[in-house]
N, C-alpha and C. Protein backbone atom coordinates (compact mmCIF):
# COMPACT_ATOMS: atom_id res chain seq x y z
N MET A 1 20.67 130.81 8.90
CA MET A 1 20.28 129.53 8.32
C MET A 1 19.98 128.50 9.40
N TYR A 2 20.84 128.48 10.46
CA TYR A 2 20.71 127.45 11.49
C TYR A 2 19.31 127.40 12.08
N ARG A 3 18.73 128.58 12.41
CA ARG A 3 17.48 128.59 13.13
C ARG A 3 16.29 128.24 12.25
N GLN A 4 16.47 128.10 10.94
CA GLN A 4 15.42 127.65 10.05
C GLN A 4 15.33 126.12 10.06
N LEU A 5 16.31 125.48 10.65
CA LEU A 5 16.34 124.02 10.73
C LEU A 5 15.68 123.56 12.02
N GLY A 6 15.24 122.30 12.04
CA GLY A 6 14.66 121.74 13.25
C GLY A 6 15.73 121.43 14.27
N TRP A 7 15.31 121.16 15.51
CA TRP A 7 16.27 120.93 16.59
C TRP A 7 17.10 119.68 16.38
N GLU A 8 16.53 118.65 15.77
CA GLU A 8 17.31 117.43 15.53
C GLU A 8 18.42 117.71 14.53
N ALA A 9 18.10 118.49 13.48
CA ALA A 9 19.12 118.84 12.49
C ALA A 9 20.21 119.70 13.13
N LEU A 10 19.82 120.67 13.97
CA LEU A 10 20.79 121.52 14.65
C LEU A 10 21.70 120.69 15.56
N PHE A 11 21.09 119.73 16.25
CA PHE A 11 21.86 118.88 17.15
C PHE A 11 22.88 118.05 16.36
N GLN A 12 22.46 117.47 15.24
CA GLN A 12 23.36 116.67 14.42
C GLN A 12 24.49 117.52 13.83
N ILE A 13 24.19 118.77 13.51
CA ILE A 13 25.23 119.68 13.02
C ILE A 13 26.25 119.93 14.12
N ALA A 14 25.78 120.17 15.35
CA ALA A 14 26.68 120.40 16.48
C ALA A 14 27.56 119.18 16.73
N VAL A 15 26.97 117.99 16.64
CA VAL A 15 27.74 116.75 16.83
C VAL A 15 28.77 116.59 15.71
N GLY A 16 28.35 116.87 14.48
CA GLY A 16 29.26 116.74 13.34
C GLY A 16 30.46 117.66 13.44
N ILE A 17 30.23 118.91 13.87
CA ILE A 17 31.34 119.85 14.03
C ILE A 17 32.27 119.37 15.13
N ALA A 18 31.69 118.87 16.23
CA ALA A 18 32.50 118.36 17.33
C ALA A 18 33.37 117.19 16.86
N GLN A 19 32.80 116.31 16.06
CA GLN A 19 33.57 115.17 15.55
C GLN A 19 34.68 115.63 14.63
N GLY A 20 34.41 116.68 13.84
CA GLY A 20 35.45 117.22 12.97
C GLY A 20 36.60 117.81 13.76
N LEU A 21 36.28 118.56 14.81
CA LEU A 21 37.33 119.13 15.65
C LEU A 21 38.07 118.04 16.41
N GLU A 22 37.36 117.01 16.84
CA GLU A 22 38.00 115.89 17.53
C GLU A 22 39.05 115.26 16.61
N TYR A 23 38.72 115.12 15.34
CA TYR A 23 39.67 114.53 14.39
C TYR A 23 40.89 115.44 14.23
N LEU A 24 40.67 116.75 14.13
CA LEU A 24 41.79 117.68 13.97
C LEU A 24 42.71 117.65 15.19
N HIS A 25 42.12 117.50 16.37
CA HIS A 25 42.89 117.55 17.61
C HIS A 25 43.56 116.23 17.97
N SER A 26 42.92 115.11 17.65
CA SER A 26 43.49 113.84 18.10
C SER A 26 43.52 112.74 17.05
N GLY A 27 42.94 112.97 15.88
CA GLY A 27 42.90 111.93 14.86
C GLY A 27 44.01 112.02 13.84
N CYS A 28 44.76 113.12 13.85
CA CYS A 28 45.86 113.29 12.90
C CYS A 28 47.19 113.03 13.60
N ASN A 29 48.22 112.69 12.82
CA ASN A 29 49.54 112.49 13.40
C ASN A 29 50.06 113.76 14.05
N THR A 30 49.75 114.91 13.43
CA THR A 30 50.08 116.22 13.98
C THR A 30 48.79 116.95 14.31
N ARG A 31 48.64 117.37 15.55
CA ARG A 31 47.42 118.05 15.98
C ARG A 31 47.27 119.37 15.23
N ILE A 32 46.07 119.64 14.77
CA ILE A 32 45.77 120.89 14.06
C ILE A 32 44.84 121.73 14.92
N LEU A 33 45.29 122.94 15.27
CA LEU A 33 44.47 123.89 16.00
C LEU A 33 43.92 124.89 15.00
N HIS A 34 42.64 125.03 14.92
CA HIS A 34 42.00 125.83 13.87
C HIS A 34 42.09 127.33 14.15
N PHE A 35 41.76 127.75 15.34
CA PHE A 35 41.82 129.13 15.80
C PHE A 35 40.84 130.08 15.14
N ASP A 36 39.87 129.58 14.39
CA ASP A 36 38.85 130.49 13.86
C ASP A 36 37.53 129.74 13.65
N ILE A 37 37.13 129.00 14.67
CA ILE A 37 35.86 128.29 14.60
C ILE A 37 34.73 129.29 14.81
N LYS A 38 33.86 129.38 13.83
CA LYS A 38 32.71 130.29 13.87
C LYS A 38 31.74 129.84 12.78
N PRO A 39 30.48 130.29 12.82
CA PRO A 39 29.50 129.83 11.83
C PRO A 39 29.93 130.03 10.39
N HIS A 40 30.61 131.15 10.08
CA HIS A 40 31.01 131.42 8.70
C HIS A 40 32.00 130.39 8.17
N ASN A 41 32.68 129.69 9.06
CA ASN A 41 33.67 128.70 8.62
C ASN A 41 33.16 127.27 8.72
N ILE A 42 31.84 127.12 8.82
CA ILE A 42 31.22 125.81 8.79
C ILE A 42 30.36 125.69 7.54
N LEU A 43 30.71 124.78 6.68
CA LEU A 43 29.96 124.57 5.43
C LEU A 43 29.02 123.38 5.60
N LEU A 44 27.82 123.49 5.05
CA LEU A 44 26.85 122.40 5.10
C LEU A 44 26.59 121.88 3.69
N ASN A 45 26.61 120.54 3.50
CA ASN A 45 26.28 120.01 2.19
C ASN A 45 24.77 119.84 2.08
N GLU A 46 24.32 119.19 1.01
CA GLU A 46 22.88 119.06 0.78
C GLU A 46 22.18 118.24 1.86
N ASP A 47 22.94 117.44 2.60
CA ASP A 47 22.37 116.64 3.69
C ASP A 47 22.61 117.30 5.05
N PHE A 48 23.07 118.55 5.02
CA PHE A 48 23.36 119.33 6.23
C PHE A 48 24.48 118.69 7.06
N CYS A 49 25.39 118.01 6.38
CA CYS A 49 26.57 117.47 7.05
C CYS A 49 27.62 118.58 7.11
N PRO A 50 28.08 118.95 8.31
CA PRO A 50 29.01 120.08 8.42
C PRO A 50 30.44 119.74 8.05
N LYS A 51 31.11 120.70 7.46
CA LYS A 51 32.53 120.59 7.12
C LYS A 51 33.22 121.84 7.63
N ILE A 52 34.33 121.66 8.34
CA ILE A 52 35.10 122.80 8.84
C ILE A 52 35.96 123.34 7.72
N SER A 53 35.93 124.66 7.50
CA SER A 53 36.68 125.26 6.40
C SER A 53 37.57 126.40 6.91
N ASP A 54 38.34 126.98 5.99
CA ASP A 54 39.20 128.14 6.23
C ASP A 54 40.23 127.88 7.33
N PHE A 55 41.36 127.31 6.92
CA PHE A 55 42.42 127.00 7.86
C PHE A 55 43.54 128.04 7.81
N GLY A 56 43.19 129.26 7.41
CA GLY A 56 44.19 130.32 7.27
C GLY A 56 44.89 130.71 8.56
N LEU A 57 44.23 130.52 9.69
CA LEU A 57 44.83 130.87 10.98
C LEU A 57 45.26 129.63 11.77
N ALA A 58 45.14 128.46 11.14
CA ALA A 58 45.44 127.21 11.84
C ALA A 58 46.93 127.10 12.19
N LYS A 59 47.20 126.31 13.22
CA LYS A 59 48.58 126.09 13.64
C LYS A 59 48.78 124.61 13.94
N LEU A 60 49.89 124.06 13.47
CA LEU A 60 50.21 122.67 13.73
C LEU A 60 50.87 122.53 15.09
N CYS A 61 50.56 121.45 15.76
CA CYS A 61 51.09 121.24 17.10
C CYS A 61 51.35 119.75 17.31
N PRO A 62 52.55 119.36 17.70
CA PRO A 62 52.82 117.94 17.98
C PRO A 62 51.85 117.42 19.02
N GLN A 63 51.40 116.19 18.86
CA GLN A 63 50.41 115.61 19.76
C GLN A 63 50.84 115.67 21.22
N LYS A 64 52.12 115.51 21.49
CA LYS A 64 52.57 115.47 22.88
C LYS A 64 52.62 116.84 23.54
N HIS A 65 52.51 117.90 22.74
CA HIS A 65 52.55 119.24 23.29
C HIS A 65 51.13 119.73 23.57
N SER A 66 50.88 120.18 24.79
CA SER A 66 49.55 120.68 25.13
C SER A 66 49.47 122.19 25.05
N ILE A 67 50.58 122.87 25.31
CA ILE A 67 50.60 124.33 25.29
C ILE A 67 51.49 124.78 24.14
N ILE A 68 51.02 125.76 23.37
CA ILE A 68 51.81 126.26 22.25
C ILE A 68 52.11 127.74 22.46
N SER A 69 53.04 128.25 21.68
CA SER A 69 53.44 129.65 21.77
C SER A 69 52.85 130.43 20.60
N LEU A 70 52.25 131.58 20.90
CA LEU A 70 51.73 132.47 19.87
C LEU A 70 52.33 133.85 20.07
N THR A 71 52.69 134.51 18.99
CA THR A 71 53.23 135.87 19.10
C THR A 71 52.13 136.90 19.21
N GLY A 72 50.92 136.55 18.82
CA GLY A 72 49.78 137.46 18.93
C GLY A 72 48.50 136.66 18.85
N ALA A 73 47.40 137.28 19.23
CA ALA A 73 46.13 136.58 19.21
C ALA A 73 45.65 136.39 17.78
N ARG A 74 44.84 135.38 17.58
CA ARG A 74 44.28 135.13 16.26
C ARG A 74 42.86 134.60 16.44
N GLY A 75 41.99 134.96 15.51
CA GLY A 75 40.61 134.52 15.60
C GLY A 75 39.64 135.65 15.30
N THR A 76 38.37 135.42 15.60
CA THR A 76 37.32 136.39 15.32
C THR A 76 36.67 136.85 16.62
N VAL A 77 36.49 138.14 16.75
CA VAL A 77 35.90 138.71 17.96
C VAL A 77 34.57 138.02 18.26
N GLY A 78 34.40 137.63 19.51
CA GLY A 78 33.19 136.94 19.92
C GLY A 78 33.38 135.44 20.07
N TYR A 79 34.45 134.92 19.48
CA TYR A 79 34.72 133.48 19.54
C TYR A 79 36.11 133.17 20.09
N ILE A 80 36.91 134.19 20.35
CA ILE A 80 38.29 133.99 20.79
C ILE A 80 38.33 133.61 22.26
N ALA A 81 39.03 132.54 22.58
CA ALA A 81 39.20 132.13 23.97
C ALA A 81 40.00 133.19 24.73
N PRO A 82 39.68 133.44 25.99
CA PRO A 82 40.35 134.51 26.74
C PRO A 82 41.86 134.36 26.81
N GLU A 83 42.36 133.12 26.90
CA GLU A 83 43.80 132.92 27.02
C GLU A 83 44.54 133.26 25.73
N VAL A 84 43.83 133.33 24.61
CA VAL A 84 44.48 133.64 23.34
C VAL A 84 44.89 135.10 23.27
N PHE A 85 44.09 135.98 23.89
CA PHE A 85 44.46 137.40 23.85
C PHE A 85 44.99 137.91 25.19
N CYS A 86 44.93 137.08 26.23
CA CYS A 86 45.49 137.48 27.52
C CYS A 86 46.03 136.26 28.23
N ARG A 87 47.34 136.14 28.29
CA ARG A 87 47.97 134.92 28.81
C ARG A 87 47.72 134.73 30.31
N ASN A 88 47.20 135.76 31.00
CA ASN A 88 46.89 135.60 32.42
C ASN A 88 45.83 134.53 32.65
N PHE A 89 45.06 134.20 31.63
CA PHE A 89 43.99 133.21 31.77
C PHE A 89 44.49 131.79 31.59
N GLY A 90 45.74 131.62 31.16
CA GLY A 90 46.27 130.28 30.97
C GLY A 90 46.99 130.14 29.63
N GLY A 91 47.48 128.93 29.38
CA GLY A 91 48.20 128.68 28.14
C GLY A 91 47.27 128.41 26.97
N VAL A 92 47.76 128.71 25.78
CA VAL A 92 47.00 128.47 24.56
C VAL A 92 47.19 127.03 24.13
N SER A 93 46.09 126.35 23.84
CA SER A 93 46.14 124.94 23.47
C SER A 93 44.91 124.58 22.63
N HIS A 94 44.70 123.28 22.44
CA HIS A 94 43.51 122.83 21.73
C HIS A 94 42.24 123.24 22.46
N LYS A 95 42.34 123.55 23.75
CA LYS A 95 41.18 124.00 24.51
C LYS A 95 40.68 125.37 24.03
N SER A 96 41.53 126.08 23.30
CA SER A 96 41.11 127.38 22.75
C SER A 96 40.08 127.17 21.64
N ASP A 97 40.25 126.12 20.85
CA ASP A 97 39.23 125.75 19.85
C ASP A 97 37.94 125.30 20.53
N VAL A 98 38.08 124.64 21.68
CA VAL A 98 36.91 124.18 22.43
C VAL A 98 36.06 125.38 22.84
N TYR A 99 36.70 126.44 23.29
CA TYR A 99 35.98 127.65 23.68
C TYR A 99 35.21 128.22 22.49
N SER A 100 35.88 128.34 21.35
CA SER A 100 35.22 128.88 20.16
C SER A 100 34.03 128.01 19.75
N TYR A 101 34.20 126.70 19.85
CA TYR A 101 33.11 125.78 19.54
C TYR A 101 31.93 126.04 20.46
N GLY A 102 32.19 126.19 21.76
CA GLY A 102 31.12 126.45 22.71
C GLY A 102 30.37 127.73 22.42
N MET A 103 31.09 128.79 22.08
CA MET A 103 30.44 130.05 21.76
C MET A 103 29.57 129.90 20.51
N MET A 104 30.06 129.14 19.55
CA MET A 104 29.30 128.93 18.32
C MET A 104 28.04 128.10 18.59
N VAL A 105 28.15 127.07 19.41
CA VAL A 105 26.99 126.24 19.73
C VAL A 105 25.92 127.06 20.44
N LEU A 106 26.33 127.92 21.37
CA LEU A 106 25.37 128.76 22.07
C LEU A 106 24.72 129.76 21.12
N GLU A 107 25.47 130.20 20.13
CA GLU A 107 24.90 131.10 19.12
C GLU A 107 23.87 130.35 18.27
N ILE A 108 24.15 129.11 17.95
CA ILE A 108 23.20 128.28 17.21
C ILE A 108 21.93 128.10 18.04
N ILE A 109 22.10 127.84 19.34
CA ILE A 109 20.96 127.66 20.24
C ILE A 109 20.08 128.89 20.27
N GLY A 110 20.69 130.05 20.44
CA GLY A 110 19.93 131.28 20.56
C GLY A 110 19.44 131.84 19.24
N GLY A 111 20.05 131.38 18.14
CA GLY A 111 19.65 131.90 16.83
C GLY A 111 20.03 133.35 16.66
N ARG A 112 21.05 133.80 17.39
CA ARG A 112 21.46 135.21 17.35
C ARG A 112 22.86 135.32 17.92
N LYS A 113 23.49 136.47 17.78
CA LYS A 113 24.80 136.69 18.37
C LYS A 113 24.69 136.55 19.89
N ASN A 114 25.73 136.01 20.50
CA ASN A 114 25.69 135.81 21.95
C ASN A 114 25.57 137.11 22.73
N ILE A 115 25.96 138.21 22.11
CA ILE A 115 25.93 139.48 22.80
C ILE A 115 24.52 139.94 23.11
N SER A 116 23.54 139.45 22.35
CA SER A 116 22.17 139.92 22.52
C SER A 116 21.21 138.76 22.53
N VAL A 117 20.23 138.82 23.42
CA VAL A 117 19.20 137.79 23.47
C VAL A 117 17.88 138.35 22.96
N GLU A 118 17.86 139.62 22.60
CA GLU A 118 16.66 140.27 22.13
C GLU A 118 16.82 140.70 20.69
N VAL A 119 15.72 140.99 20.04
CA VAL A 119 15.76 141.44 18.66
C VAL A 119 16.40 142.82 18.59
N ASP A 120 16.17 143.63 19.62
CA ASP A 120 16.73 144.98 19.68
C ASP A 120 18.25 144.90 19.72
N ARG A 121 18.91 145.39 18.69
CA ARG A 121 20.36 145.26 18.58
C ARG A 121 21.10 146.19 19.53
N THR A 122 20.38 147.05 20.25
CA THR A 122 21.04 147.90 21.23
C THR A 122 21.18 147.17 22.57
N SER A 123 20.54 146.01 22.69
CA SER A 123 20.59 145.25 23.94
C SER A 123 21.99 144.68 24.14
N GLU A 124 22.44 144.66 25.39
CA GLU A 124 23.74 144.09 25.71
C GLU A 124 23.60 142.88 26.62
N ILE A 125 22.41 142.25 26.63
CA ILE A 125 22.22 141.04 27.44
C ILE A 125 23.09 139.93 26.87
N TYR A 126 23.86 139.30 27.72
CA TYR A 126 24.79 138.26 27.28
C TYR A 126 24.07 136.92 27.29
N PHE A 127 23.87 136.35 26.12
CA PHE A 127 23.04 135.15 25.99
C PHE A 127 23.51 133.99 26.87
N PRO A 128 24.81 133.67 26.95
CA PRO A 128 25.21 132.56 27.83
C PRO A 128 24.77 132.76 29.28
N HIS A 129 24.81 133.97 29.79
CA HIS A 129 24.36 134.22 31.16
C HIS A 129 22.84 134.07 31.26
N TRP A 130 22.14 134.55 30.25
CA TRP A 130 20.68 134.48 30.23
C TRP A 130 20.21 133.03 30.24
N VAL A 131 20.77 132.21 29.36
CA VAL A 131 20.33 130.83 29.25
C VAL A 131 20.82 130.01 30.44
N TYR A 132 21.97 130.39 31.03
CA TYR A 132 22.47 129.68 32.22
C TYR A 132 21.48 129.84 33.37
N LYS A 133 20.96 131.03 33.54
CA LYS A 133 20.01 131.28 34.64
C LYS A 133 18.77 130.41 34.48
N ARG A 134 18.25 130.31 33.25
CA ARG A 134 17.07 129.47 33.01
C ARG A 134 17.39 128.00 33.28
N LEU A 135 18.57 127.58 32.89
CA LEU A 135 18.98 126.19 33.11
C LEU A 135 19.14 125.92 34.61
N GLU A 136 19.77 126.84 35.31
CA GLU A 136 20.02 126.70 36.74
C GLU A 136 18.71 126.62 37.53
N LEU A 137 17.71 127.41 37.13
CA LEU A 137 16.43 127.45 37.82
C LEU A 137 15.45 126.41 37.28
N ASP A 138 15.93 125.60 36.31
CA ASP A 138 15.11 124.58 35.67
C ASP A 138 13.84 125.19 35.08
N GLU A 139 13.99 126.35 34.46
CA GLU A 139 12.87 127.03 33.84
C GLU A 139 12.74 126.59 32.38
N ASP A 140 11.61 126.94 31.79
CA ASP A 140 11.45 126.73 30.35
C ASP A 140 12.54 127.52 29.63
N LEU A 141 13.15 126.91 28.62
CA LEU A 141 14.27 127.56 27.94
C LEU A 141 13.86 128.78 27.14
N GLY A 142 12.58 128.89 26.82
CA GLY A 142 12.11 130.06 26.08
C GLY A 142 12.67 130.13 24.68
N LEU A 143 12.98 128.97 24.10
CA LEU A 143 13.53 128.93 22.75
C LEU A 143 12.46 128.52 21.75
N HIS A 144 12.56 129.04 20.55
CA HIS A 144 11.56 128.76 19.52
C HIS A 144 11.68 127.33 18.99
N GLY A 145 10.55 126.72 18.69
CA GLY A 145 10.54 125.45 17.98
C GLY A 145 10.67 124.22 18.84
N ILE A 146 10.77 124.35 20.17
CA ILE A 146 10.86 123.16 21.03
C ILE A 146 9.44 122.70 21.33
N ARG A 147 9.05 121.59 20.69
CA ARG A 147 7.67 121.12 20.80
C ARG A 147 7.54 119.74 21.43
N ASP A 148 8.65 119.07 21.69
CA ASP A 148 8.55 117.74 22.30
C ASP A 148 9.77 117.49 23.19
N ASN A 149 9.74 116.39 23.90
CA ASN A 149 10.81 116.07 24.85
C ASN A 149 12.15 115.84 24.16
N GLU A 150 12.10 115.27 22.97
CA GLU A 150 13.35 115.00 22.25
C GLU A 150 14.06 116.30 21.89
N ALA A 151 13.29 117.27 21.38
CA ALA A 151 13.87 118.56 21.02
C ALA A 151 14.38 119.27 22.27
N ASN A 152 13.64 119.17 23.36
CA ASN A 152 14.05 119.80 24.62
C ASN A 152 15.35 119.19 25.13
N ALA A 153 15.47 117.85 25.04
CA ALA A 153 16.69 117.17 25.48
C ALA A 153 17.89 117.58 24.62
N SER A 154 17.68 117.66 23.31
CA SER A 154 18.77 118.06 22.41
C SER A 154 19.24 119.47 22.72
N ALA A 155 18.28 120.38 22.92
CA ALA A 155 18.63 121.77 23.22
C ALA A 155 19.38 121.87 24.54
N ARG A 156 18.91 121.15 25.56
CA ARG A 156 19.56 121.20 26.87
C ARG A 156 20.97 120.61 26.82
N LYS A 157 21.15 119.54 26.06
CA LYS A 157 22.49 118.97 25.90
C LYS A 157 23.43 120.00 25.29
N MET A 158 22.98 120.64 24.22
CA MET A 158 23.82 121.62 23.54
C MET A 158 24.17 122.78 24.45
N ILE A 159 23.19 123.22 25.25
CA ILE A 159 23.43 124.33 26.17
C ILE A 159 24.46 123.94 27.23
N ILE A 160 24.26 122.79 27.87
CA ILE A 160 25.18 122.36 28.92
C ILE A 160 26.58 122.18 28.37
N VAL A 161 26.70 121.52 27.23
CA VAL A 161 28.01 121.32 26.61
C VAL A 161 28.63 122.66 26.23
N GLY A 162 27.83 123.55 25.63
CA GLY A 162 28.34 124.87 25.26
C GLY A 162 28.87 125.64 26.45
N LEU A 163 28.15 125.58 27.57
CA LEU A 163 28.57 126.29 28.77
C LEU A 163 29.83 125.69 29.38
N TRP A 164 29.99 124.36 29.30
CA TRP A 164 31.24 123.75 29.74
C TRP A 164 32.40 124.21 28.87
N CYS A 165 32.15 124.32 27.58
CA CYS A 165 33.21 124.67 26.63
C CYS A 165 33.72 126.10 26.81
N ILE A 166 32.88 127.00 27.32
CA ILE A 166 33.30 128.40 27.45
C ILE A 166 33.75 128.75 28.86
N GLN A 167 34.10 127.75 29.66
CA GLN A 167 34.66 128.04 30.97
C GLN A 167 35.95 128.86 30.81
N THR A 168 36.14 129.84 31.70
CA THR A 168 37.27 130.74 31.58
C THR A 168 38.61 130.02 31.70
N ASP A 169 38.71 129.11 32.65
CA ASP A 169 39.94 128.35 32.85
C ASP A 169 39.99 127.22 31.82
N PRO A 170 41.00 127.22 30.94
CA PRO A 170 41.08 126.18 29.90
C PRO A 170 41.05 124.76 30.47
N SER A 171 41.61 124.56 31.65
CA SER A 171 41.67 123.22 32.22
C SER A 171 40.29 122.71 32.64
N HIS A 172 39.32 123.61 32.77
CA HIS A 172 37.97 123.21 33.14
C HIS A 172 37.11 122.84 31.92
N ARG A 173 37.62 123.13 30.74
CA ARG A 173 36.87 122.80 29.52
C ARG A 173 37.13 121.34 29.14
N PRO A 174 36.13 120.68 28.58
CA PRO A 174 36.34 119.30 28.14
C PRO A 174 37.16 119.27 26.85
N SER A 175 37.79 118.15 26.57
CA SER A 175 38.41 117.96 25.26
C SER A 175 37.31 117.76 24.24
N MET A 176 37.62 117.84 22.96
CA MET A 176 36.59 117.61 21.94
C MET A 176 36.13 116.16 21.96
N SER A 177 36.99 115.24 22.35
CA SER A 177 36.56 113.84 22.48
C SER A 177 35.49 113.72 23.56
N ARG A 178 35.71 114.43 24.66
CA ARG A 178 34.73 114.40 25.74
C ARG A 178 33.44 115.11 25.32
N VAL A 179 33.56 116.17 24.53
CA VAL A 179 32.38 116.88 24.03
C VAL A 179 31.50 115.93 23.22
N VAL A 180 32.12 115.16 22.35
CA VAL A 180 31.36 114.20 21.54
C VAL A 180 30.65 113.20 22.45
N GLU A 181 31.36 112.70 23.46
CA GLU A 181 30.76 111.76 24.40
C GLU A 181 29.57 112.39 25.12
N MET A 182 29.69 113.62 25.53
CA MET A 182 28.63 114.31 26.25
C MET A 182 27.39 114.48 25.37
N LEU A 183 27.62 114.85 24.12
CA LEU A 183 26.50 115.06 23.21
C LEU A 183 25.80 113.75 22.86
N GLU A 184 26.57 112.69 22.74
CA GLU A 184 26.00 111.40 22.35
C GLU A 184 25.49 110.60 23.55
N GLY A 185 25.77 111.07 24.77
CA GLY A 185 25.35 110.37 25.96
C GLY A 185 23.97 110.81 26.45
N ASN A 186 23.63 110.40 27.67
CA ASN A 186 22.33 110.74 28.24
C ASN A 186 22.35 112.12 28.87
N LEU A 187 21.27 112.84 28.71
CA LEU A 187 21.14 114.18 29.29
C LEU A 187 21.28 114.11 30.81
N GLU A 188 20.70 113.07 31.41
CA GLU A 188 20.70 112.95 32.87
C GLU A 188 22.11 112.84 33.46
N SER A 189 23.08 112.42 32.65
CA SER A 189 24.45 112.25 33.15
C SER A 189 25.26 113.54 33.11
N LEU A 190 24.70 114.58 32.52
CA LEU A 190 25.44 115.84 32.37
C LEU A 190 25.23 116.74 33.58
N LEU A 191 26.32 117.22 34.14
CA LEU A 191 26.26 118.15 35.25
C LEU A 191 26.26 119.58 34.72
N ILE A 192 25.53 120.45 35.39
CA ILE A 192 25.53 121.86 35.00
C ILE A 192 26.85 122.47 35.42
N PRO A 193 27.55 123.15 34.52
CA PRO A 193 28.86 123.72 34.86
C PRO A 193 28.72 124.99 35.69
N PRO A 194 29.83 125.50 36.21
CA PRO A 194 29.79 126.81 36.87
C PRO A 194 29.37 127.87 35.87
N LYS A 195 28.80 128.97 36.36
CA LYS A 195 28.40 130.05 35.48
C LYS A 195 29.62 130.64 34.79
N PRO A 196 29.54 130.89 33.48
CA PRO A 196 30.68 131.50 32.78
C PRO A 196 31.06 132.81 33.46
N PHE A 197 32.35 133.00 33.68
CA PHE A 197 32.83 134.17 34.42
C PHE A 197 32.83 135.42 33.56
N LEU A 198 33.30 135.30 32.34
CA LEU A 198 33.46 136.47 31.49
C LEU A 198 32.13 136.90 30.89
N SER A 199 31.98 138.21 30.71
CA SER A 199 30.81 138.75 30.02
C SER A 199 31.20 139.03 28.58
N SER A 200 30.22 139.50 27.82
CA SER A 200 30.47 139.75 26.41
C SER A 200 31.38 140.95 26.21
N PRO A 201 32.29 140.87 25.24
CA PRO A 201 33.11 142.04 24.92
C PRO A 201 32.25 143.08 24.23
N SER A 202 32.75 144.29 24.16
CA SER A 202 32.02 145.34 23.46
C SER A 202 31.88 144.96 22.01
N ARG A 203 30.74 145.29 21.43
CA ARG A 203 30.50 144.97 20.03
C ARG A 203 31.46 145.75 19.15
N PRO A 204 32.19 145.09 18.26
CA PRO A 204 33.11 145.79 17.37
C PRO A 204 32.36 146.65 16.38
N SER A 205 33.02 147.68 15.87
CA SER A 205 32.36 148.58 14.93
C SER A 205 32.07 147.90 13.61
N VAL A 206 32.89 146.88 13.27
CA VAL A 206 32.66 146.12 12.05
C VAL A 206 32.26 144.71 12.45
N ASP A 207 31.09 144.26 12.01
CA ASP A 207 30.57 142.96 12.42
C ASP A 207 31.49 141.84 11.96
N SER A 208 31.70 140.86 12.87
CA SER A 208 32.53 139.68 12.58
C SER A 208 33.94 140.05 12.13
N SER A 209 34.47 141.15 12.68
CA SER A 209 35.83 141.54 12.31
C SER A 209 36.81 140.52 12.85
N THR A 210 37.91 140.35 12.14
CA THR A 210 38.92 139.39 12.53
C THR A 210 40.10 140.12 13.13
N THR A 211 40.58 139.63 14.24
CA THR A 211 41.71 140.27 14.90
C THR A 211 42.91 139.35 14.88
N HIS A 212 44.08 139.91 14.68
CA HIS A 212 45.31 139.12 14.68
C HIS A 212 46.23 139.52 15.82
N VAL A 213 46.07 140.73 16.36
CA VAL A 213 46.92 141.20 17.43
C VAL A 213 46.05 141.84 18.49
N MET A 214 45.93 141.19 19.66
CA MET A 214 45.21 141.74 20.79
C MET A 214 45.98 141.42 22.04
N LYS A 215 46.09 142.36 22.97
CA LYS A 215 46.80 142.11 24.21
C LYS A 215 45.98 142.69 25.36
N CYS A 216 46.11 142.05 26.53
CA CYS A 216 45.44 142.61 27.69
C CYS A 216 46.32 143.68 28.31
N SER A 217 45.73 144.49 29.15
CA SER A 217 46.43 145.65 29.68
C SER A 217 47.70 145.27 30.45
N SER A 218 47.67 144.11 31.09
CA SER A 218 48.83 143.70 31.88
C SER A 218 50.04 143.37 31.00
N GLU A 219 49.79 143.17 29.70
CA GLU A 219 50.90 142.82 28.81
C GLU A 219 51.39 144.02 28.02
N ASN A 220 50.70 145.16 28.12
CA ASN A 220 51.09 146.36 27.37
C ASN A 220 52.28 147.03 28.02
């Protein structure tokens, strides 16, 4: 559905989701961590205003606590922050939702799963790496429907913000408040982040499967 919309509508959807997550993380008396941010859990009304849904995996966290304890990973393959399934990457916090948001924004940008940048579903090209290279070399983004400077600026903002959000180290990711500021600010003020370290995980046998227990080899 996303790619049938114009770039301005896609941009406003990305901003709306960011504002919703910002409210969950800092606008409530008790911080709410969603842990399953993905396109299927974003509802659009008749005006394409996004609403975050499905809080089945959510966890409450006191505002003063930045790191929380989880007994197992939770979320959907392809959107799970690395620290959620492997503690070697850092502590689990609201930054884990930031990672999922970034992966979802990049998926909206590409109009396809991040695992593939081509129509051929056997391709394993990782879209964040592909689009990062074009951004780094200041090349044409090669995205459909960009016909003017405004659309190009919106797409580049979303890409830069998405790439910041999926940084491997949670401390390098912006808060959702900062994400909103970046999206609503000037493109010229945004710095290109380091290239995402992690590559795409292997495609699961069942599309969009949900995992509740995942551990890295060092924890087995």
